[in-house]
Amino acid sequence: MSVEVHGGVAAGFEGVADAFASNFADRGDTAASCAIYVGGNRVVDLWAGATAEGPWTADTRTAVFSVSKGVATICLLMAVQEGHLQLDASVVSVWPEFGAQGKAGTTIRQVLAHRPGCWRPRWT
């Protein structure tokens, strides 16, 4: 699929533009945008494609879904680094209600590793 990519990249970030374009040509993406800041400076600002609602523009809004997991993990690990949080502390030490239904022993480390074992299907 040939899609016109709009925007631009700073010198040295041309590979990002190439990878972005290949998402359409090789992977079947239909609409996307990408903005990257380094040291407070925007070095990548790209958008392309369209949805059922119309063309994707520089101002198109979208939900970020799982992208926030990485940001949340970085914030938690910074809190660990600064001594404000312990990975092997129980989750209930910072979120008391989490301990309901037998989850009191779950550690922050287990949650970050997606290993708390507390998922149960709705039908049980």
PDB file of N, CA and C in Angstrom:
ATOM      1  N   MET A   1       0.853  -1.178   0.000  1.00  0.00           N
ATOM      2  CA  MET A   1       0.000   0.000   0.000  1.00  0.00           C
ATOM      3  C   MET A   1       0.897   1.238   0.000  1.00  0.00           C
ATOM      4  N   SER A   2       0.670   2.117  -0.931  1.00  0.00           N
ATOM      5  CA  SER A   2       1.443   3.346  -1.012  1.00  0.00           C
ATOM      6  C   SER A   2       0.682   4.476  -0.318  1.00  0.00           C
ATOM      7  N   VAL A   3       1.295   5.025   0.703  1.00  0.00           N
ATOM      8  CA  VAL A   3       0.677   6.098   1.479  1.00  0.00           C
ATOM      9  C   VAL A   3       1.661   7.257   1.540  1.00  0.00           C
ATOM     10  N   GLU A   4       1.160   8.460   1.352  1.00  0.00           N
ATOM     11  CA  GLU A   4       2.018   9.640   1.452  1.00  0.00           C
ATOM     12  C   GLU A   4       2.258   9.971   2.922  1.00  0.00           C
ATOM     13  N   VAL A   5       3.530  10.024   3.305  1.00  0.00           N
ATOM     14  CA  VAL A   5       3.909  10.369   4.676  1.00  0.00           C
ATOM     15  C   VAL A   5       4.112  11.876   4.749  1.00  0.00           C
ATOM     16  N   HIS A   6       3.514  12.490   5.749  1.00  0.00           N
ATOM     17  CA  HIS A   6       3.619  13.939   5.947  1.00  0.00           C
ATOM     18  C   HIS A   6       4.493  14.227   7.163  1.00  0.00           C
ATOM     19  N   GLY A   7       4.963  15.460   7.252  1.00  0.00           N
ATOM     20  CA  GLY A   7       5.795  15.876   8.377  1.00  0.00           C
ATOM     21  C   GLY A   7       7.257  15.803   8.017  1.00  0.00           C
ATOM     22  N   GLY A   8       8.081  15.534   9.004  1.00  0.00           N
ATOM     23  CA  GLY A   8       9.508  15.469   8.740  1.00  0.00           C
ATOM     24  C   GLY A   8      10.302  15.003   9.942  1.00  0.00           C
ATOM     25  N   VAL A   9      11.588  14.857   9.727  1.00  0.00           N
ATOM     26  CA  VAL A   9      12.508  14.420  10.775  1.00  0.00           C
ATOM     27  C   VAL A   9      13.757  15.287  10.754  1.00  0.00           C
ATOM     28  N   ALA A  10      14.400  15.414  11.892  1.00  0.00           N
ATOM     29  CA  ALA A  10      15.671  16.128  11.978  1.00  0.00           C
ATOM     30  C   ALA A  10      16.781  15.252  11.394  1.00  0.00           C
ATOM     31  N   ALA A  11      17.860  15.883  11.019  1.00  0.00           N
ATOM     32  CA  ALA A  11      19.016  15.153  10.495  1.00  0.00           C
ATOM     33  C   ALA A  11      19.425  14.069  11.486  1.00  0.00           C
ATOM     34  N   GLY A  12      19.702  12.890  10.957  1.00  0.00           N
ATOM     35  CA  GLY A  12      20.090  11.760  11.788  1.00  0.00           C
ATOM     36  C   GLY A  12      18.924  10.855  12.160  1.00  0.00           C
ATOM     37  N   PHE A  13      17.694  11.281  11.870  1.00  0.00           N
ATOM     38  CA  PHE A  13      16.511  10.490  12.209  1.00  0.00           C
ATOM     39  C   PHE A  13      15.777   9.994  10.961  1.00  0.00           C
ATOM     40  N   GLU A  14      16.459  10.003   9.832  1.00  0.00           N
ATOM     41  CA  GLU A  14      15.855   9.559   8.591  1.00  0.00           C
ATOM     42  C   GLU A  14      15.410   8.101   8.658  1.00  0.00           C
ATOM     43  N   GLY A  15      16.119   7.287   9.399  1.00  0.00           N
ATOM     44  CA  GLY A  15      15.754   5.872   9.553  1.00  0.00           C
ATOM     45  C   GLY A  15      14.389   5.693  10.195  1.00  0.00           C
ATOM     46  N   VAL A  16      14.014   6.618  11.066  1.00  0.00           N
ATOM     47  CA  VAL A  16      12.686   6.556  11.681  1.00  0.00           C
ATOM     48  C   VAL A  16      11.623   6.782  10.614  1.00  0.00           C
ATOM     49  N   ALA A  17      11.865   7.743   9.740  1.00  0.00           N
ATOM     50  CA  ALA A  17      10.911   8.013   8.658  1.00  0.00           C
ATOM     51  C   ALA A  17      10.799   6.805   7.740  1.00  0.00           C
ATOM     52  N   ASP A  18      11.915   6.155   7.444  1.00  0.00           N
ATOM     53  CA  ASP A  18      11.888   4.957   6.597  1.00  0.00           C
ATOM     54  C   ASP A  18      11.093   3.833   7.259  1.00  0.00           C
ATOM     55  N   ALA A  19      11.325   3.613   8.545  1.00  0.00           N
ATOM     56  CA  ALA A  19      10.606   2.567   9.281  1.00  0.00           C
ATOM     57  C   ALA A  19       9.117   2.890   9.358  1.00  0.00           C
ATOM     58  N   PHE A  20       8.798   4.167   9.566  1.00  0.00           N
ATOM     59  CA  PHE A  20       7.398   4.600   9.628  1.00  0.00           C
ATOM     60  C   PHE A  20       6.708   4.300   8.299  1.00  0.00           C
ATOM     61  N   ALA A  21       7.333   4.661   7.188  1.00  0.00           N
ATOM     62  CA  ALA A  21       6.752   4.418   5.867  1.00  0.00           C
ATOM     63  C   ALA A  21       6.596   2.924   5.598  1.00  0.00           C
ATOM     64  N   SER A  22       7.544   2.124   6.071  1.00  0.00           N
ATOM     65  CA  SER A  22       7.457   0.678   5.824  1.00  0.00           C
ATOM     66  C   SER A  22       6.301   0.042   6.583  1.00  0.00           C
ATOM     67  N   ASN A  23       5.841   0.671   7.649  1.00  0.00           N
ATOM     68  CA  ASN A  23       4.665   0.140   8.347  1.00  0.00           C
ATOM     69  C   ASN A  23       3.453   0.106   7.424  1.00  0.00           C
ATOM     70  N   PHE A  24       3.371   1.041   6.511  1.00  0.00           N
ATOM     71  CA  PHE A  24       2.269   1.081   5.554  1.00  0.00           C
ATOM     72  C   PHE A  24       2.551   0.138   4.384  1.00  0.00           C
ATOM     73  N   ALA A  25       3.744   0.243   3.816  1.00  0.00           N
ATOM     74  CA  ALA A  25       4.092  -0.530   2.623  1.00  0.00           C
ATOM     75  C   ALA A  25       4.214  -2.022   2.908  1.00  0.00           C
ATOM     76  N   ASP A  26       4.780  -2.384   4.049  1.00  0.00           N
ATOM     77  CA  ASP A  26       5.097  -3.789   4.324  1.00  0.00           C
ATOM     78  C   ASP A  26       4.202  -4.446   5.369  1.00  0.00           C
ATOM     79  N   ARG A  27       3.599  -3.670   6.249  1.00  0.00           N
ATOM     80  CA  ARG A  27       2.863  -4.263   7.372  1.00  0.00           C
ATOM     81  C   ARG A  27       1.364  -3.980   7.349  1.00  0.00           C
ATOM     82  N   GLY A  28       0.927  -3.211   6.369  1.00  0.00           N
ATOM     83  CA  GLY A  28      -0.501  -2.993   6.213  1.00  0.00           C
ATOM     84  C   GLY A  28      -1.137  -1.960   7.125  1.00  0.00           C
ATOM     85  N   ASP A  29      -0.322  -1.112   7.783  1.00  0.00           N
ATOM     86  CA  ASP A  29      -0.922  -0.038   8.588  1.00  0.00           C
ATOM     87  C   ASP A  29      -1.788   0.840   7.691  1.00  0.00           C
ATOM     88  N   THR A  30      -2.853   1.412   8.263  1.00  0.00           N
ATOM     89  CA  THR A  30      -3.741   2.269   7.484  1.00  0.00           C
ATOM     90  C   THR A  30      -3.680   3.724   7.919  1.00  0.00           C
ATOM     91  N   ALA A  31      -3.293   3.979   9.175  1.00  0.00           N
ATOM     92  CA  ALA A  31      -3.181   5.357   9.670  1.00  0.00           C
ATOM     93  C   ALA A  31      -2.317   5.354  10.924  1.00  0.00           C
ATOM     94  N   ALA A  32      -1.468   6.362  11.044  1.00  0.00           N
ATOM     95  CA  ALA A  32      -0.596   6.428  12.219  1.00  0.00           C
ATOM     96  C   ALA A  32       0.089   7.788  12.279  1.00  0.00           C
ATOM     97  N   SER A  33       0.665   8.044  13.447  1.00  0.00           N
ATOM     98  CA  SER A  33       1.501   9.229  13.618  1.00  0.00           C
ATOM     99  C   SER A  33       2.617   8.877  14.586  1.00  0.00           C
ATOM    100  N   CYS A  34       3.680   9.658  14.548  1.00  0.00           N
ATOM    101  CA  CYS A  34       4.824   9.421  15.426  1.00  0.00           C
ATOM    102  C   CYS A  34       5.506  10.758  15.698  1.00  0.00           C
ATOM    103  N   ALA A  35       5.664  11.068  16.970  1.00  0.00           N
ATOM    104  CA  ALA A  35       6.395  12.276  17.369  1.00  0.00           C
ATOM    105  C   ALA A  35       7.412  11.867  18.422  1.00  0.00           C
ATOM    106  N   ILE A  36       8.636  12.307  18.247  1.00  0.00           N
ATOM    107  CA  ILE A  36       9.715  11.982  19.182  1.00  0.00           C
ATOM    108  C   ILE A  36      10.430  13.264  19.557  1.00  0.00           C
ATOM    109  N   TYR A  37      10.646  13.426  20.849  1.00  0.00           N
ATOM    110  CA  TYR A  37      11.376  14.581  21.369  1.00  0.00           C
ATOM    111  C   TYR A  37      12.669  14.098  22.008  1.00  0.00           C
ATOM    112  N   VAL A  38      13.754  14.803  21.763  1.00  0.00           N
ATOM    113  CA  VAL A  38      15.043  14.522  22.383  1.00  0.00           C
ATOM    114  C   VAL A  38      15.545  15.821  22.992  1.00  0.00           C
ATOM    115  N   GLY A  39      15.769  15.801  24.288  1.00  0.00           N
ATOM    116  CA  GLY A  39      16.250  17.006  24.966  1.00  0.00           C
ATOM    117  C   GLY A  39      15.301  18.181  24.818  1.00  0.00           C
ATOM    118  N   GLY A  40      14.016  17.907  24.745  1.00  0.00           N
ATOM    119  CA  GLY A  40      13.025  18.972  24.607  1.00  0.00           C
ATOM    120  C   GLY A  40      12.811  19.450  23.180  1.00  0.00           C
ATOM    121  N   ASN A  41      13.542  18.895  22.237  1.00  0.00           N
ATOM    122  CA  ASN A  41      13.414  19.281  20.828  1.00  0.00           C
ATOM    123  C   ASN A  41      12.700  18.184  20.039  1.00  0.00           C
ATOM    124  N   ARG A  42      11.727  18.571  19.225  1.00  0.00           N
ATOM    125  CA  ARG A  42      11.027  17.589  18.393  1.00  0.00           C
ATOM    126  C   ARG A  42      11.940  17.213  17.239  1.00  0.00           C
ATOM    127  N   VAL A  43      12.285  15.938  17.170  1.00  0.00           N
ATOM    128  CA  VAL A  43      13.178  15.457  16.123  1.00  0.00           C
ATOM    129  C   VAL A  43      12.452  14.586  15.097  1.00  0.00           C
ATOM    130  N   VAL A  44      11.258  14.127  15.443  1.00  0.00           N
ATOM    131  CA  VAL A  44      10.426  13.352  14.520  1.00  0.00           C
ATOM    132  C   VAL A  44       8.993  13.844  14.666  1.00  0.00           C
ATOM    133  N   ASP A  45       8.348  14.125  13.534  1.00  0.00           N
ATOM    134  CA  ASP A  45       6.939  14.495  13.526  1.00  0.00           C
ATOM    135  C   ASP A  45       6.352  14.005  12.209  1.00  0.00           C
ATOM    136  N   LEU A  46       5.751  12.808  12.243  1.00  0.00           N
ATOM    137  CA  LEU A  46       5.266  12.161  11.033  1.00  0.00           C
ATOM    138  C   LEU A  46       3.807  11.753  11.196  1.00  0.00           C
ATOM    139  N   TRP A  47       3.042  11.757  10.097  1.00  0.00           N
ATOM    140  CA  TRP A  47       1.681  11.238  10.096  1.00  0.00           C
ATOM    141  C   TRP A  47       1.336  10.811   8.679  1.00  0.00           C
ATOM    142  N   ALA A  48       0.428   9.852   8.579  1.00  0.00           N
ATOM    143  CA  ALA A  48       0.047   9.345   7.263  1.00  0.00           C
ATOM    144  C   ALA A  48      -1.223   8.514   7.364  1.00  0.00           C
ATOM    145  N   GLY A  49      -1.872   8.323   6.237  1.00  0.00           N
ATOM    146  CA  GLY A  49      -2.993   7.414   6.135  1.00  0.00           C
ATOM    147  C   GLY A  49      -4.338   8.035   6.399  1.00  0.00           C
ATOM    148  N   ALA A  50      -5.323   7.163   6.576  1.00  0.00           N
ATOM    149  CA  ALA A  50      -6.695   7.603   6.793  1.00  0.00           C
ATOM    150  C   ALA A  50      -7.470   6.522   7.536  1.00  0.00           C
ATOM    151  N   THR A  51      -8.539   6.937   8.186  1.00  0.00           N
ATOM    152  CA  THR A  51      -9.465   6.017   8.854  1.00  0.00           C
ATOM    153  C   THR A  51     -10.845   6.227   8.236  1.00  0.00           C
ATOM    154  N   ALA A  52     -11.820   5.514   8.740  1.00  0.00           N
ATOM    155  CA  ALA A  52     -13.192   5.690   8.250  1.00  0.00           C
ATOM    156  C   ALA A  52     -13.689   7.110   8.493  1.00  0.00           C
ATOM    157  N   GLU A  53     -13.094   7.799   9.482  1.00  0.00           N
ATOM    158  CA  GLU A  53     -13.493   9.175   9.798  1.00  0.00           C
ATOM    159  C   GLU A  53     -12.815  10.212   8.914  1.00  0.00           C
ATOM    160  N   GLY A  54     -11.823   9.798   8.133  1.00  0.00           N
ATOM    161  CA  GLY A  54     -11.148  10.731   7.250  1.00  0.00           C
ATOM    162  C   GLY A  54      -9.645  10.623   7.316  1.00  0.00           C
ATOM    163  N   PRO A  55      -8.946  11.556   6.656  1.00  0.00           N
ATOM    164  CA  PRO A  55      -7.481  11.501   6.623  1.00  0.00           C
ATOM    165  C   PRO A  55      -6.863  11.731   8.002  1.00  0.00           C
ATOM    166  N   TRP A  56      -5.731  11.071   8.215  1.00  0.00           N
ATOM    167  CA  TRP A  56      -4.957  11.268   9.440  1.00  0.00           C
ATOM    168  C   TRP A  56      -4.177  12.557   9.269  1.00  0.00           C
ATOM    169  N   THR A  57      -4.269  13.455  10.245  1.00  0.00           N
ATOM    170  CA  THR A  57      -3.573  14.737  10.154  1.00  0.00           C
ATOM    171  C   THR A  57      -2.627  14.899  11.332  1.00  0.00           C
ATOM    172  N   ALA A  58      -1.913  15.999  11.321  1.00  0.00           N
ATOM    173  CA  ALA A  58      -1.006  16.304  12.432  1.00  0.00           C
ATOM    174  C   ALA A  58      -1.774  16.483  13.737  1.00  0.00           C
ATOM    175  N   ASP A  59      -3.059  16.789  13.655  1.00  0.00           N
ATOM    176  CA  ASP A  59      -3.863  17.044  14.847  1.00  0.00           C
ATOM    177  C   ASP A  59      -4.816  15.910  15.207  1.00  0.00           C
ATOM    178  N   THR A  60      -4.749  14.780  14.514  1.00  0.00           N
ATOM    179  CA  THR A  60      -5.633  13.654  14.817  1.00  0.00           C
ATOM    180  C   THR A  60      -5.306  13.112  16.196  1.00  0.00           C
ATOM    181  N   ARG A  61      -6.340  12.911  17.001  1.00  0.00           N
ATOM    182  CA  ARG A  61      -6.163  12.354  18.348  1.00  0.00           C
ATOM    183  C   ARG A  61      -6.393  10.853  18.321  1.00  0.00           C
ATOM    184  N   THR A  62      -5.714  10.167  19.217  1.00  0.00           N
ATOM    185  CA  THR A  62      -5.865   8.720  19.313  1.00  0.00           C
ATOM    186  C   THR A  62      -5.606   8.277  20.738  1.00  0.00           C
ATOM    187  N   ALA A  63      -6.121   7.125  21.089  1.00  0.00           N
ATOM    188  CA  ALA A  63      -5.828   6.537  22.401  1.00  0.00           C
ATOM    189  C   ALA A  63      -4.452   5.881  22.341  1.00  0.00           C
ATOM    190  N   VAL A  64      -3.755   5.856  23.456  1.00  0.00           N
ATOM    191  CA  VAL A  64      -2.410   5.304  23.460  1.00  0.00           C
ATOM    192  C   VAL A  64      -2.352   3.854  23.919  1.00  0.00           C
ATOM    193  N   PHE A  65      -3.397   3.333  24.531  1.00  0.00           N
ATOM    194  CA  PHE A  65      -3.478   1.954  24.979  1.00  0.00           C
ATOM    195  C   PHE A  65      -2.218   1.528  25.743  1.00  0.00           C
ATOM    196  N   SER A  66      -1.534   0.498  25.300  1.00  0.00           N
ATOM    197  CA  SER A  66      -0.428  -0.090  26.054  1.00  0.00           C
ATOM    198  C   SER A  66       0.830   0.770  26.115  1.00  0.00           C
ATOM    199  N   VAL A  67       0.896   1.837  25.355  1.00  0.00           N
ATOM    200  CA  VAL A  67       2.069   2.708  25.403  1.00  0.00           C
ATOM    201  C   VAL A  67       2.308   3.210  26.817  1.00  0.00           C
ATOM    202  N   SER A  68       1.247   3.415  27.572  1.00  0.00           N
ATOM    203  CA  SER A  68       1.390   3.945  28.925  1.00  0.00           C
ATOM    204  C   SER A  68       2.051   2.957  29.879  1.00  0.00           C
ATOM    205  N   LYS A  69       2.075   1.672  29.555  1.00  0.00           N
ATOM    206  CA  LYS A  69       2.708   0.682  30.430  1.00  0.00           C
ATOM    207  C   LYS A  69       4.198   0.982  30.600  1.00  0.00           C
ATOM    208  N   GLY A  70       4.862   1.294  29.513  1.00  0.00           N
ATOM    209  CA  GLY A  70       6.291   1.598  29.593  1.00  0.00           C
ATOM    210  C   GLY A  70       6.558   2.860  30.391  1.00  0.00           C
ATOM    211  N   VAL A  71       5.745   3.873  30.192  1.00  0.00           N
ATOM    212  CA  VAL A  71       5.905   5.124  30.928  1.00  0.00           C
ATOM    213  C   VAL A  71       5.666   4.884  32.416  1.00  0.00           C
ATOM    214  N   ALA A  72       4.619   4.126  32.743  1.00  0.00           N
ATOM    215  CA  ALA A  72       4.323   3.829  34.151  1.00  0.00           C
ATOM    216  C   ALA A  72       5.465   3.042  34.790  1.00  0.00           C
ATOM    217  N   THR A  73       6.028   2.097  34.048  1.00  0.00           N
ATOM    218  CA  THR A  73       7.142   1.308  34.582  1.00  0.00           C
ATOM    219  C   THR A  73       8.359   2.183  34.840  1.00  0.00           C
ATOM    220  N   ILE A  74       8.656   3.080  33.924  1.00  0.00           N
ATOM    221  CA  ILE A  74       9.785   3.997  34.130  1.00  0.00           C
ATOM    222  C   ILE A  74       9.564   4.834  35.382  1.00  0.00           C
ATOM    223  N   CYS A  75       8.358   5.355  35.558  1.00  0.00           N
ATOM    224  CA  CYS A  75       8.057   6.164  36.748  1.00  0.00           C
ATOM    225  C   CYS A  75       8.223   5.348  38.026  1.00  0.00           C
ATOM    226  N   LEU A  76       7.712   4.110  38.025  1.00  0.00           N
ATOM    227  CA  LEU A  76       7.851   3.258  39.203  1.00  0.00           C
ATOM    228  C   LEU A  76       9.312   2.945  39.494  1.00  0.00           C
ATOM    229  N   LEU A  77      10.081   2.640  38.453  1.00  0.00           N
ATOM    230  CA  LEU A  77      11.495   2.324  38.664  1.00  0.00           C
ATOM    231  C   LEU A  77      12.294   3.546  39.111  1.00  0.00           C
ATOM    232  N   MET A  78      11.888   4.736  38.693  1.00  0.00           N
ATOM    233  CA  MET A  78      12.528   5.953  39.199  1.00  0.00           C
ATOM    234  C   MET A  78      12.219   6.110  40.695  1.00  0.00           C
ATOM    235  N   ALA A  79      10.995   5.775  41.090  1.00  0.00           N
ATOM    236  CA  ALA A  79      10.635   5.832  42.518  1.00  0.00           C
ATOM    237  C   ALA A  79      11.456   4.821  43.310  1.00  0.00           C
ATOM    238  N   VAL A  80      11.718   3.649  42.729  1.00  0.00           N
ATOM    239  CA  VAL A  80      12.571   2.655  43.379  1.00  0.00           C
ATOM    240  C   VAL A  80      13.987   3.197  43.514  1.00  0.00           C
ATOM    241  N   GLN A  81      14.507   3.769  42.447  1.00  0.00           N
ATOM    242  CA  GLN A  81      15.864   4.308  42.433  1.00  0.00           C
ATOM    243  C   GLN A  81      16.043   5.396  43.496  1.00  0.00           C
ATOM    244  N   GLU A  82      15.018   6.198  43.694  1.00  0.00           N
ATOM    245  CA  GLU A  82      15.074   7.274  44.683  1.00  0.00           C
ATOM    246  C   GLU A  82      14.759   6.796  46.095  1.00  0.00           C
ATOM    247  N   GLY A  83      14.431   5.516  46.252  1.00  0.00           N
ATOM    248  CA  GLY A  83      14.158   4.959  47.568  1.00  0.00           C
ATOM    249  C   GLY A  83      12.747   5.192  48.080  1.00  0.00           C
ATOM    250  N   HIS A  84      11.831   5.592  47.203  1.00  0.00           N
ATOM    251  CA  HIS A  84      10.455   5.842  47.620  1.00  0.00           C
ATOM    252  C   HIS A  84       9.578   4.599  47.546  1.00  0.00           C
ATOM    253  N   LEU A  85      10.071   3.541  46.898  1.00  0.00           N
ATOM    254  CA  LEU A  85       9.287   2.343  46.665  1.00  0.00           C
ATOM    255  C   LEU A  85      10.228   1.149  46.654  1.00  0.00           C
ATOM    256  N   GLN A  86       9.767   0.019  47.164  1.00  0.00           N
ATOM    257  CA  GLN A  86      10.554  -1.217  47.167  1.00  0.00           C
ATOM    258  C   GLN A  86       9.862  -2.236  46.265  1.00  0.00           C
ATOM    259  N   LEU A  87      10.587  -2.845  45.348  1.00  0.00           N
ATOM    260  CA  LEU A  87       9.980  -3.799  44.426  1.00  0.00           C
ATOM    261  C   LEU A  87       9.390  -5.012  45.133  1.00  0.00           C
ATOM    262  N   ASP A  88       9.992  -5.436  46.244  1.00  0.00           N
ATOM    263  CA  ASP A  88       9.490  -6.617  46.937  1.00  0.00           C
ATOM    264  C   ASP A  88       8.494  -6.288  48.038  1.00  0.00           C
ATOM    265  N   ALA A  89       8.064  -5.021  48.101  1.00  0.00           N
ATOM    266  CA  ALA A  89       7.000  -4.642  49.039  1.00  0.00           C
ATOM    267  C   ALA A  89       5.676  -5.150  48.483  1.00  0.00           C
ATOM    268  N   SER A  90       4.735  -5.394  49.376  1.00  0.00           N
ATOM    269  CA  SER A  90       3.417  -5.835  48.909  1.00  0.00           C
ATOM    270  C   SER A  90       2.682  -4.652  48.284  1.00  0.00           C
ATOM    271  N   VAL A  91       1.857  -4.954  47.311  1.00  0.00           N
ATOM    272  CA  VAL A  91       1.068  -3.920  46.659  1.00  0.00           C
ATOM    273  C   VAL A  91       0.184  -3.207  47.680  1.00  0.00           C
ATOM    274  N   VAL A  92      -0.309  -3.948  48.680  1.00  0.00           N
ATOM    275  CA  VAL A  92      -1.207  -3.338  49.670  1.00  0.00           C
ATOM    276  C   VAL A  92      -0.510  -2.269  50.507  1.00  0.00           C
ATOM    277  N   SER A  93       0.820  -2.229  50.491  1.00  0.00           N
ATOM    278  CA  SER A  93       1.523  -1.178  51.236  1.00  0.00           C
ATOM    279  C   SER A  93       1.303   0.194  50.601  1.00  0.00           C
ATOM    280  N   VAL A  94       0.942   0.219  49.309  1.00  0.00           N
ATOM    281  CA  VAL A  94       0.656   1.481  48.631  1.00  0.00           C
ATOM    282  C   VAL A  94      -0.776   1.563  48.110  1.00  0.00           C
ATOM    283  N   TRP A  95      -1.464   0.411  48.078  1.00  0.00           N
ATOM    284  CA  TRP A  95      -2.848   0.347  47.599  1.00  0.00           C
ATOM    285  C   TRP A  95      -3.587  -0.694  48.430  1.00  0.00           C
ATOM    286  N   PRO A  96      -4.026  -0.329  49.630  1.00  0.00           N
ATOM    287  CA  PRO A  96      -4.617  -1.294  50.571  1.00  0.00           C
ATOM    288  C   PRO A  96      -5.769  -2.114  49.986  1.00  0.00           C
ATOM    289  N   GLU A  97      -6.606  -1.529  49.168  1.00  0.00           N
ATOM    290  CA  GLU A  97      -7.764  -2.249  48.629  1.00  0.00           C
ATOM    291  C   GLU A  97      -7.369  -3.406  47.704  1.00  0.00           C
ATOM    292  N   PHE A  98      -6.165  -3.392  47.190  1.00  0.00           N
ATOM    293  CA  PHE A  98      -5.713  -4.443  46.283  1.00  0.00           C
ATOM    294  C   PHE A  98      -5.692  -5.804  46.965  1.00  0.00           C
ATOM    295  N   GLY A  99      -5.563  -5.825  48.284  1.00  0.00           N
ATOM    296  CA  GLY A  99      -5.441  -7.075  49.027  1.00  0.00           C
ATOM    297  C   GLY A  99      -6.698  -7.907  49.099  1.00  0.00           C
ATOM    298  N   ALA A 100      -7.815  -7.399  48.598  1.00  0.00           N
ATOM    299  CA  ALA A 100      -9.070  -8.151  48.642  1.00  0.00           C
ATOM    300  C   ALA A 100      -8.954  -9.455  47.866  1.00  0.00           C
ATOM    301  N   GLN A 101      -9.741 -10.432  48.253  1.00  0.00           N
ATOM    302  CA  GLN A 101      -9.845 -11.723  47.580  1.00  0.00           C
ATOM    303  C   GLN A 101      -8.520 -12.460  47.485  1.00  0.00           C
ATOM    304  N   GLY A 102      -7.760 -12.424  48.571  1.00  0.00           N
ATOM    305  CA  GLY A 102      -6.547 -13.223  48.664  1.00  0.00           C
ATOM    306  C   GLY A 102      -5.323 -12.704  47.949  1.00  0.00           C
ATOM    307  N   LYS A 103      -5.289 -11.427  47.594  1.00  0.00           N
ATOM    308  CA  LYS A 103      -4.148 -10.887  46.860  1.00  0.00           C
ATOM    309  C   LYS A 103      -3.162 -10.133  47.753  1.00  0.00           C
ATOM    310  N   ALA A 104      -3.331 -10.209  49.068  1.00  0.00           N
ATOM    311  CA  ALA A 104      -2.516  -9.410  49.990  1.00  0.00           C
ATOM    312  C   ALA A 104      -1.015  -9.676  49.867  1.00  0.00           C
ATOM    313  N   GLY A 105      -0.617 -10.871  49.456  1.00  0.00           N
ATOM    314  CA  GLY A 105       0.804 -11.200  49.369  1.00  0.00           C
ATOM    315  C   GLY A 105       1.469 -10.821  48.055  1.00  0.00           C
ATOM    316  N   THR A 106       0.738 -10.252  47.144  1.00  0.00           N
ATOM    317  CA  THR A 106       1.287  -9.896  45.840  1.00  0.00           C
ATOM    318  C   THR A 106       2.263  -8.729  45.969  1.00  0.00           C
ATOM    319  N   THR A 107       3.437  -8.872  45.342  1.00  0.00           N
ATOM    320  CA  THR A 107       4.446  -7.811  45.413  1.00  0.00           C
ATOM    321  C   THR A 107       4.374  -6.893  44.192  1.00  0.00           C
ATOM    322  N   ILE A 108       4.965  -5.730  44.353  1.00  0.00           N
ATOM    323  CA  ILE A 108       5.051  -4.779  43.242  1.00  0.00           C
ATOM    324  C   ILE A 108       5.856  -5.395  42.104  1.00  0.00           C
ATOM    325  N   ARG A 109       6.903  -6.133  42.424  1.00  0.00           N
ATOM    326  CA  ARG A 109       7.722  -6.799  41.402  1.00  0.00           C
ATOM    327  C   ARG A 109       6.868  -7.770  40.576  1.00  0.00           C
ATOM    328  N   GLN A 110       5.994  -8.528  41.233  1.00  0.00           N
ATOM    329  CA  GLN A 110       5.134  -9.467  40.518  1.00  0.00           C
ATOM    330  C   GLN A 110       4.182  -8.746  39.564  1.00  0.00           C
ATOM    331  N   VAL A 111       3.654  -7.620  39.997  1.00  0.00           N
ATOM    332  CA  VAL A 111       2.749  -6.862  39.135  1.00  0.00           C
ATOM    333  C   VAL A 111       3.495  -6.337  37.917  1.00  0.00           C
ATOM    334  N   LEU A 112       4.690  -5.784  38.117  1.00  0.00           N
ATOM    335  CA  LEU A 112       5.467  -5.249  36.994  1.00  0.00           C
ATOM    336  C   LEU A 112       5.864  -6.339  36.004  1.00  0.00           C
ATOM    337  N   ALA A 113       6.012  -7.569  36.484  1.00  0.00           N
ATOM    338  CA  ALA A 113       6.369  -8.693  35.618  1.00  0.00           C
ATOM    339  C   ALA A 113       5.128  -9.418  35.085  1.00  0.00           C
ATOM    340  N   HIS A 114       3.950  -8.872  35.352  1.00  0.00           N
ATOM    341  CA  HIS A 114       2.686  -9.494  34.940  1.00  0.00           C
ATOM    342  C   HIS A 114       2.572 -10.911  35.496  1.00  0.00           C
ATOM    343  N   ARG A 115       2.980 -11.100  36.768  1.00  0.00           N
ATOM    344  CA  ARG A 115       2.997 -12.419  37.379  1.00  0.00           C
ATOM    345  C   ARG A 115       2.213 -12.520  38.685  1.00  0.00           C
ATOM    346  N   PRO A 116       1.248 -11.654  38.963  1.00  0.00           N
ATOM    347  CA  PRO A 116       0.583 -11.758  40.263  1.00  0.00           C
ATOM    348  C   PRO A 116      -0.371 -12.932  40.378  1.00  0.00           C
ATOM    349  N   GLY A 117      -0.807 -13.516  39.264  1.00  0.00           N
ATOM    350  CA  GLY A 117      -1.685 -14.678  39.323  1.00  0.00           C
ATOM    351  C   GLY A 117      -3.072 -14.360  39.855  1.00  0.00           C
ATOM    352  N   CYS A 118      -3.555 -13.143  39.652  1.00  0.00           N
ATOM    353  CA  CYS A 118      -4.861 -12.776  40.225  1.00  0.00           C
ATOM    354  C   CYS A 118      -5.950 -12.618  39.175  1.00  0.00           C
ATOM    355  N   TRP A 119      -5.671 -12.976  37.945  1.00  0.00           N
ATOM    356  CA  TRP A 119      -6.701 -12.896  36.913  1.00  0.00           C
ATOM    357  C   TRP A 119      -7.646 -14.077  37.039  1.00  0.00           C
ATOM    358  N   ARG A 120      -8.931 -13.783  36.963  1.00  0.00           N
ATOM    359  CA  ARG A 120      -9.930 -14.855  36.967  1.00  0.00           C
ATOM    360  C   ARG A 120     -10.980 -14.510  35.926  1.00  0.00           C
ATOM    361  N   PRO A 121     -11.419 -15.498  35.149  1.00  0.00           N
ATOM    362  CA  PRO A 121     -12.467 -15.217  34.176  1.00  0.00           C
ATOM    363  C   PRO A 121     -13.733 -14.748  34.877  1.00  0.00           C
ATOM    364  N   ARG A 122     -14.502 -13.932  34.228  1.00  0.00           N
ATOM    365  CA  ARG A 122     -15.738 -13.392  34.803  1.00  0.00           C
ATOM    366  C   ARG A 122     -16.759 -14.471  35.106  1.00  0.00           C
ATOM    367  N   TRP A 123     -16.702 -15.571  34.421  1.00  0.00           N
ATOM    368  CA  TRP A 123     -17.727 -16.597  34.581  1.00  0.00           C
ATOM    369  C   TRP A 123     -17.463 -17.545  35.744  1.00  0.00           C
ATOM    370  N   THR A 124     -16.389 -17.360  36.509  1.00  0.00           N
ATOM    371  CA  THR A 124     -16.154 -18.241  37.659  1.00  0.00           C
ATOM    372  C   THR A 124     -16.604 -17.582  38.940  1.00  0.00           C
TER     373      THR A 124
END
